[in-house]
C-alpha atoms as a PDB file:
ATOM      1  CA  MET A   1       0.265  -0.364  -0.100  1.00  0.00           C
ATOM      2  CA  SER A   2       2.771   2.565   0.757  1.00  0.00           C
ATOM      3  CA  GLN A   3       4.291   2.244  -2.682  1.00  0.00           C
ATOM      4  CA  ILE A   4       1.124   4.029  -4.001  1.00  0.00           C
ATOM      5  CA  TRP A   5       1.593   6.750  -2.552  1.00  0.00           C
ATOM      6  CA  ALA A   6       5.347   6.601  -3.098  1.00  0.00           C
ATOM      7  CA  ALA A   7       3.725   7.087  -6.718  1.00  0.00           C
ATOM      8  CA  LEU A   8       1.595   9.747  -5.223  1.00  0.00           C
ATOM      9  CA  CYS A   9       3.979  11.522  -3.354  1.00  0.00           C
ATOM     10  CA  VAL A  10       6.214  11.921  -6.243  1.00  0.00           C
ATOM     11  CA  ALA A  11       3.305  12.528  -9.071  1.00  0.00           C
ATOM     12  CA  GLY A  12       2.641  15.570  -6.714  1.00  0.00           C
ATOM     13  CA  PHE A  13       5.855  16.640  -6.484  1.00  0.00           C
ATOM     14  CA  ALA A  14       6.556  16.814 -10.393  1.00  0.00           C
ATOM     15  CA  GLY A  15       2.174  18.253 -10.690  1.00  0.00           C
ATOM     16  CA  TRP A  16       3.777  20.886  -8.054  1.00  0.00           C
ATOM     17  CA  VAL A  17       6.945  21.632  -9.657  1.00  0.00           C
ATOM     18  CA  THR A  18       5.286  21.445 -13.734  1.00  0.00           C
ATOM     19  CA  SER A  19       2.270  23.814 -12.632  1.00  0.00           C
ATOM     20  CA  THR A  20       4.411  26.474 -10.599  1.00  0.00           C
ATOM     21  CA  ILE A  21       6.386  26.338 -13.741  1.00  0.00           C
ATOM     22  CA  VAL A  22       3.215  27.350 -16.621  1.00  0.00           C
ATOM     23  CA  PHE A  23       1.966  29.162 -13.153  1.00  0.00           C
ATOM     24  CA  ILE A  24       4.829  31.864 -14.533  1.00  0.00           C
ATOM     25  CA  PHE A  25       5.072  31.478 -18.569  1.00  0.00           C
ATOM     26  CA  THR A  26       1.163  31.998 -17.798  1.00  0.00           C
ATOM     27  CA  ALA A  27      -0.140  33.936 -15.715  1.00  0.00           C
ATOM     28  CA  PHE A  28       1.721  37.217 -16.986  1.00  0.00           C
ATOM     29  CA  THR A  29       2.513  38.597 -21.337  1.00  0.00           C
ATOM     30  CA  LYS A  30       5.740  39.999 -22.385  1.00  0.00           C
ATOM     31  CA  ASP A  31       4.265  43.274 -21.637  1.00  0.00           C
ATOM     32  CA  ASN A  32       4.347  42.001 -17.716  1.00  0.00           C
ATOM     33  CA  GLU A  33       0.603  41.827 -17.983  1.00  0.00           C
ATOM     34  CA  PHE A  34      -0.234  39.416 -15.226  1.00  0.00           C
ATOM     35  CA  LEU A  35      -3.551  37.735 -16.458  1.00  0.00           C
ATOM     36  CA  PRO A  36      -6.025  36.648 -13.036  1.00  0.00           C
ATOM     37  CA  ARG A  37      -8.417  33.581 -15.672  1.00  0.00           C
ATOM     38  CA  LYS A  38      -5.281  31.650 -15.847  1.00  0.00           C
ATOM     39  CA  ALA A  39      -3.565  33.008 -12.499  1.00  0.00           C
ATOM     40  CA  LEU A  40      -6.314  31.147 -10.469  1.00  0.00           C
ATOM     41  CA  LEU A  41      -5.869  27.825 -13.081  1.00  0.00           C
ATOM     42  CA  TRP A  42      -3.164  27.146 -12.107  1.00  0.00           C
ATOM     43  CA  GLY A  43      -2.859  28.521  -9.083  1.00  0.00           C
ATOM     44  CA  ILE A  44      -5.326  25.695  -8.326  1.00  0.00           C
ATOM     45  CA  ALA A  45      -3.114  23.373  -9.629  1.00  0.00           C
ATOM     46  CA  ILE A  46      -0.480  24.269  -7.714  1.00  0.00           C
ATOM     47  CA  VAL A  47      -2.310  24.621  -4.039  1.00  0.00           C
ATOM     48  CA  MET A  48      -3.826  20.640  -5.490  1.00  0.00           C
ATOM     49  CA  SER A  49      -0.626  18.904  -6.367  1.00  0.00           C
ATOM     50  CA  PHE A  50       1.446  20.577  -2.977  1.00  0.00           C
ATOM     51  CA  ALA A  51      -1.512  18.720  -1.050  1.00  0.00           C
ATOM     52  CA  LEU A  52      -1.652  16.051  -2.976  1.00  0.00           C
ATOM     53  CA  TRP A  53       2.273  15.546  -2.220  1.00  0.00           C
ATOM     54  CA  VAL A  54       2.208  16.716   1.254  1.00  0.00           C
ATOM     55  CA  VAL A  55      -0.202  13.642   2.110  1.00  0.00           C
ATOM     56  CA  GLY A  56       2.113  11.782   0.406  1.00  0.00           C
ATOM     57  CA  LEU A  57       4.441  12.516   2.250  1.00  0.00           C
ATOM     58  CA  LYS A  58       2.292  11.479   5.091  1.00  0.00           C
ATOM     59  CA  MET A  59       0.769   8.809   4.222  1.00  0.00           C
ATOM     60  CA  ALA A  60       4.588   6.385   2.481  1.00  0.00           C
END
């Protein structure tokens, strides 16, 4: 059972890093304009994947 949690932990970490990078590149334009709708979408992805990572660490 802990192998499943370990896999979810790795997936959560990869999702957290990936969604943070995507957030940086999509929430801001080249003119440093902030796009709130895209930021909200990727911000939710960041929080959810971070939570999955933390739960995976706790349960593994």
